């Protein structure tokens, strides 16, 4: 029998990245300011975690201007959605195998 802990996605083990993916999977997209407020994190902390997710192609970025102000929106990619689902499935399996 495989160890269910081995199936967890290392990138999604950090709570901020897991929260970001949860928000992006549940919504079409979110902008930086909305994410920062929702997750109650700092600009730098959020940016670091977003870059990690972007580097692995879990999220896509769309930059635009709204009323002459820059706006950056984030969206979960198919790869990110699949990784998030697999991670949740692995967490569920961990819970199932740990029940006595």
N, C-alpha and C. Protein backbone atom coordinates (compact mmCIF):
# COMPACT_ATOMS: atom_id res chain seq x y z
N UNK A 1 0.84 -1.18 0.00
CA UNK A 1 0.00 0.00 0.00
C UNK A 1 0.89 1.25 0.00
N UNK A 2 0.55 2.20 -0.87
CA UNK A 2 1.33 3.44 -0.94
C UNK A 2 1.05 4.32 0.27
N UNK A 3 2.06 5.03 0.69
CA UNK A 3 1.91 5.98 1.78
C UNK A 3 1.18 7.21 1.23
N UNK A 4 -0.01 7.55 1.75
CA UNK A 4 -0.76 8.68 1.20
C UNK A 4 -0.05 10.03 1.38
N UNK A 5 0.84 10.10 2.36
CA UNK A 5 1.59 11.34 2.56
C UNK A 5 2.51 11.63 1.37
N UNK A 6 2.95 10.57 0.70
CA UNK A 6 3.82 10.74 -0.47
C UNK A 6 3.08 11.35 -1.65
N UNK A 7 1.77 11.29 -1.65
CA UNK A 7 0.96 11.81 -2.74
C UNK A 7 0.67 13.31 -2.61
N UNK A 8 0.98 13.90 -1.45
CA UNK A 8 0.74 15.33 -1.25
C UNK A 8 1.66 16.16 -2.13
N UNK A 9 1.15 17.25 -2.63
CA UNK A 9 1.92 18.17 -3.48
C UNK A 9 2.74 19.09 -2.58
N UNK A 10 4.04 18.99 -2.66
CA UNK A 10 4.94 19.78 -1.79
C UNK A 10 4.68 21.27 -1.94
N UNK A 11 4.37 21.73 -3.13
CA UNK A 11 4.13 23.15 -3.36
C UNK A 11 2.89 23.63 -2.62
N UNK A 12 1.92 22.76 -2.46
CA UNK A 12 0.66 23.14 -1.82
C UNK A 12 0.64 22.85 -0.32
N UNK A 13 1.75 22.42 0.23
CA UNK A 13 1.80 22.15 1.67
C UNK A 13 1.84 23.44 2.49
N UNK A 14 2.25 24.54 1.90
CA UNK A 14 2.25 25.80 2.63
C UNK A 14 0.83 26.37 2.63
N UNK A 15 0.37 26.80 3.77
CA UNK A 15 -1.04 27.21 3.89
C UNK A 15 -1.40 28.39 3.01
N UNK A 16 -0.48 29.33 2.79
CA UNK A 16 -0.81 30.47 1.94
C UNK A 16 -1.01 30.04 0.50
N UNK A 17 -0.14 29.17 -0.01
CA UNK A 17 -0.30 28.68 -1.39
C UNK A 17 -1.56 27.84 -1.52
N UNK A 18 -1.87 27.05 -0.51
CA UNK A 18 -3.10 26.26 -0.52
C UNK A 18 -4.32 27.18 -0.52
N UNK A 19 -4.28 28.24 0.26
CA UNK A 19 -5.38 29.20 0.30
C UNK A 19 -5.54 29.91 -1.05
N UNK A 20 -4.42 30.33 -1.63
CA UNK A 20 -4.47 30.99 -2.94
C UNK A 20 -5.13 30.08 -3.96
N UNK A 21 -4.69 28.84 -4.02
CA UNK A 21 -5.25 27.91 -4.99
C UNK A 21 -6.72 27.64 -4.70
N UNK A 22 -7.09 27.54 -3.44
CA UNK A 22 -8.49 27.34 -3.09
C UNK A 22 -9.37 28.47 -3.60
N UNK A 23 -8.89 29.69 -3.43
CA UNK A 23 -9.64 30.86 -3.90
C UNK A 23 -9.72 30.87 -5.42
N UNK A 24 -8.60 30.58 -6.08
CA UNK A 24 -8.57 30.65 -7.55
C UNK A 24 -9.33 29.50 -8.21
N UNK A 25 -9.37 28.35 -7.57
CA UNK A 25 -10.14 27.23 -8.12
C UNK A 25 -11.64 27.51 -7.95
N UNK A 26 -12.01 28.17 -6.87
CA UNK A 26 -13.42 28.44 -6.59
C UNK A 26 -13.95 29.64 -7.38
N UNK A 27 -13.07 30.47 -7.89
CA UNK A 27 -13.46 31.69 -8.61
C UNK A 27 -12.79 31.74 -9.97
N UNK A 28 -13.38 32.51 -10.87
CA UNK A 28 -12.81 32.64 -12.20
C UNK A 28 -11.43 33.30 -12.14
N UNK A 29 -11.31 34.38 -11.37
CA UNK A 29 -10.04 35.05 -11.18
C UNK A 29 -10.13 35.96 -9.96
N UNK A 30 -9.00 36.42 -9.52
CA UNK A 30 -8.92 37.33 -8.37
C UNK A 30 -7.77 38.28 -8.61
N UNK A 31 -7.91 39.53 -8.17
CA UNK A 31 -6.77 40.43 -8.33
C UNK A 31 -5.94 40.46 -7.06
N UNK A 32 -4.74 41.03 -7.18
CA UNK A 32 -3.76 41.03 -6.11
C UNK A 32 -4.33 41.66 -4.84
N UNK A 33 -4.97 42.81 -4.97
CA UNK A 33 -5.49 43.53 -3.81
C UNK A 33 -6.56 42.72 -3.10
N UNK A 34 -7.44 42.10 -3.87
CA UNK A 34 -8.49 41.26 -3.28
C UNK A 34 -7.89 40.06 -2.54
N UNK A 35 -6.91 39.42 -3.15
CA UNK A 35 -6.25 38.28 -2.51
C UNK A 35 -5.56 38.70 -1.22
N UNK A 36 -4.84 39.80 -1.27
CA UNK A 36 -4.12 40.30 -0.09
C UNK A 36 -5.10 40.55 1.06
N UNK A 37 -6.22 41.19 0.77
CA UNK A 37 -7.21 41.48 1.81
C UNK A 37 -7.86 40.20 2.34
N UNK A 38 -8.23 39.30 1.43
CA UNK A 38 -8.88 38.06 1.82
C UNK A 38 -7.98 37.19 2.70
N UNK A 39 -6.73 37.08 2.30
CA UNK A 39 -5.79 36.20 3.01
C UNK A 39 -5.09 36.90 4.17
N UNK A 40 -5.29 38.21 4.28
CA UNK A 40 -4.69 39.02 5.34
C UNK A 40 -3.18 38.78 5.44
N UNK A 41 -2.52 39.05 4.33
CA UNK A 41 -1.08 38.87 4.25
C UNK A 41 -0.44 40.14 3.73
N UNK A 42 0.87 40.19 3.74
CA UNK A 42 1.58 41.37 3.25
C UNK A 42 1.79 41.25 1.74
N UNK A 43 2.09 42.38 1.12
CA UNK A 43 2.38 42.39 -0.32
C UNK A 43 3.51 41.43 -0.66
N UNK A 44 4.61 41.53 0.10
CA UNK A 44 5.78 40.72 -0.18
C UNK A 44 5.54 39.24 -0.01
N UNK A 45 4.85 38.88 1.06
CA UNK A 45 4.54 37.47 1.32
C UNK A 45 3.66 36.91 0.22
N UNK A 46 2.61 37.64 -0.13
CA UNK A 46 1.71 37.19 -1.18
C UNK A 46 2.44 37.07 -2.51
N UNK A 47 3.23 38.07 -2.84
CA UNK A 47 3.98 38.06 -4.11
C UNK A 47 4.91 36.85 -4.20
N UNK A 48 5.56 36.51 -3.11
CA UNK A 48 6.48 35.37 -3.08
C UNK A 48 5.73 34.07 -3.38
N UNK A 49 4.59 33.89 -2.75
CA UNK A 49 3.82 32.66 -2.96
C UNK A 49 3.20 32.61 -4.36
N UNK A 50 2.76 33.75 -4.86
CA UNK A 50 2.23 33.80 -6.22
C UNK A 50 3.30 33.46 -7.24
N UNK A 51 4.51 33.94 -7.02
CA UNK A 51 5.62 33.63 -7.95
C UNK A 51 5.93 32.13 -7.95
N UNK A 52 5.88 31.53 -6.76
CA UNK A 52 6.13 30.08 -6.69
C UNK A 52 5.07 29.31 -7.48
N UNK A 53 3.82 29.70 -7.35
CA UNK A 53 2.74 29.04 -8.09
C UNK A 53 2.84 29.32 -9.59
N UNK A 54 3.23 30.53 -9.94
CA UNK A 54 3.40 30.88 -11.36
C UNK A 54 4.55 30.09 -11.98
N UNK A 55 5.65 29.96 -11.24
CA UNK A 55 6.82 29.24 -11.74
C UNK A 55 6.47 27.80 -12.11
N UNK A 56 5.56 27.18 -11.36
CA UNK A 56 5.14 25.80 -11.64
C UNK A 56 3.95 25.73 -12.59
N UNK A 57 3.53 26.91 -13.10
CA UNK A 57 2.42 27.00 -14.06
C UNK A 57 1.09 26.58 -13.44
N UNK A 58 0.94 26.77 -12.13
CA UNK A 58 -0.32 26.48 -11.45
C UNK A 58 -1.29 27.65 -11.61
N UNK A 59 -0.76 28.84 -11.86
CA UNK A 59 -1.60 30.02 -12.05
C UNK A 59 -1.15 30.80 -13.28
N UNK A 60 -2.09 31.52 -13.85
CA UNK A 60 -1.80 32.43 -14.95
C UNK A 60 -2.02 33.86 -14.47
N UNK A 61 -1.38 34.80 -15.14
CA UNK A 61 -1.44 36.21 -14.73
C UNK A 61 -1.90 37.05 -15.91
N UNK A 62 -2.76 38.00 -15.61
CA UNK A 62 -3.22 38.97 -16.61
C UNK A 62 -3.04 40.36 -16.03
N UNK A 63 -2.19 41.17 -16.69
CA UNK A 63 -1.94 42.53 -16.23
C UNK A 63 -2.68 43.51 -17.14
N UNK A 64 -3.31 44.50 -16.50
CA UNK A 64 -4.04 45.51 -17.25
C UNK A 64 -4.04 46.81 -16.44
N UNK A 65 -4.74 47.80 -16.98
CA UNK A 65 -4.92 49.06 -16.27
C UNK A 65 -6.40 49.32 -16.09
N UNK A 66 -6.79 49.75 -14.90
CA UNK A 66 -8.15 50.16 -14.61
C UNK A 66 -8.08 51.58 -14.07
N UNK A 67 -8.69 52.50 -14.81
CA UNK A 67 -8.61 53.93 -14.44
C UNK A 67 -7.17 54.37 -14.23
N UNK A 68 -6.31 54.00 -15.15
CA UNK A 68 -4.89 54.35 -15.14
C UNK A 68 -4.08 53.73 -14.01
N UNK A 69 -4.68 52.81 -13.29
CA UNK A 69 -3.97 52.10 -12.22
C UNK A 69 -3.69 50.68 -12.69
N UNK A 70 -2.48 50.19 -12.43
CA UNK A 70 -2.17 48.81 -12.82
C UNK A 70 -3.01 47.82 -12.02
N UNK A 71 -3.44 46.77 -12.70
CA UNK A 71 -4.24 45.73 -12.07
C UNK A 71 -3.70 44.38 -12.51
N UNK A 72 -3.40 43.52 -11.55
CA UNK A 72 -2.89 42.19 -11.85
C UNK A 72 -3.90 41.17 -11.35
N UNK A 73 -4.40 40.35 -12.26
CA UNK A 73 -5.38 39.31 -11.93
C UNK A 73 -4.72 37.94 -12.08
N UNK A 74 -5.14 37.03 -11.25
CA UNK A 74 -4.60 35.68 -11.23
C UNK A 74 -5.73 34.69 -11.47
N UNK A 75 -5.38 33.62 -12.16
CA UNK A 75 -6.36 32.59 -12.52
C UNK A 75 -5.67 31.22 -12.41
N UNK A 76 -6.39 30.25 -11.90
CA UNK A 76 -5.84 28.89 -11.84
C UNK A 76 -5.78 28.30 -13.24
N UNK A 77 -4.68 27.68 -13.58
CA UNK A 77 -4.55 26.99 -14.87
C UNK A 77 -5.12 25.57 -14.73
N UNK A 78 -5.26 24.90 -15.84
CA UNK A 78 -5.71 23.50 -15.79
C UNK A 78 -4.73 22.65 -14.98
N UNK A 79 -3.44 22.91 -15.16
CA UNK A 79 -2.43 22.18 -14.40
C UNK A 79 -2.61 22.45 -12.90
N UNK A 80 -2.86 23.70 -12.54
CA UNK A 80 -3.05 24.06 -11.14
C UNK A 80 -4.31 23.45 -10.56
N UNK A 81 -5.39 23.46 -11.34
CA UNK A 81 -6.65 22.85 -10.88
C UNK A 81 -6.46 21.34 -10.63
N UNK A 82 -5.77 20.69 -11.55
CA UNK A 82 -5.51 19.25 -11.40
C UNK A 82 -4.64 18.97 -10.19
N UNK A 83 -3.61 19.77 -10.00
CA UNK A 83 -2.71 19.59 -8.85
C UNK A 83 -3.46 19.81 -7.54
N UNK A 84 -4.33 20.82 -7.51
CA UNK A 84 -5.11 21.11 -6.31
C UNK A 84 -6.05 19.94 -6.00
N UNK A 85 -6.71 19.42 -7.02
CA UNK A 85 -7.63 18.28 -6.82
C UNK A 85 -6.86 17.06 -6.31
N UNK A 86 -5.72 16.78 -6.92
CA UNK A 86 -4.91 15.63 -6.48
C UNK A 86 -4.45 15.80 -5.04
N UNK A 87 -4.09 17.03 -4.68
CA UNK A 87 -3.65 17.30 -3.30
C UNK A 87 -4.80 17.06 -2.33
N UNK A 88 -6.00 17.55 -2.66
CA UNK A 88 -7.17 17.34 -1.80
C UNK A 88 -7.51 15.85 -1.70
N UNK A 89 -7.41 15.14 -2.81
CA UNK A 89 -7.66 13.70 -2.79
C UNK A 89 -6.65 12.99 -1.88
N UNK A 90 -5.39 13.42 -1.94
CA UNK A 90 -4.36 12.83 -1.09
C UNK A 90 -4.64 13.13 0.39
N UNK A 91 -5.08 14.35 0.69
CA UNK A 91 -5.43 14.70 2.07
C UNK A 91 -6.58 13.83 2.57
N UNK A 92 -7.55 13.62 1.71
CA UNK A 92 -8.69 12.77 2.07
C UNK A 92 -8.22 11.34 2.35
N UNK A 93 -7.30 10.87 1.54
CA UNK A 93 -6.76 9.52 1.73
C UNK A 93 -5.98 9.42 3.03
N UNK A 94 -5.25 10.47 3.37
CA UNK A 94 -4.52 10.50 4.65
C UNK A 94 -5.51 10.34 5.80
N UNK A 95 -6.59 11.09 5.75
CA UNK A 95 -7.60 11.02 6.81
C UNK A 95 -8.20 9.62 6.88
N UNK A 96 -8.53 9.06 5.74
CA UNK A 96 -9.14 7.71 5.72
C UNK A 96 -8.20 6.66 6.31
N UNK A 97 -6.93 6.72 5.96
CA UNK A 97 -5.99 5.69 6.41
C UNK A 97 -5.60 5.87 7.87
N UNK A 98 -5.83 7.03 8.44
CA UNK A 98 -5.45 7.28 9.83
C UNK A 98 -6.57 6.97 10.81
N UNK A 99 -7.76 6.69 10.31
CA UNK A 99 -8.88 6.34 11.20
C UNK A 99 -8.65 4.95 11.77
N UNK A 100 -9.01 4.81 13.03
CA UNK A 100 -8.85 3.49 13.69
C UNK A 100 -10.14 2.74 13.68
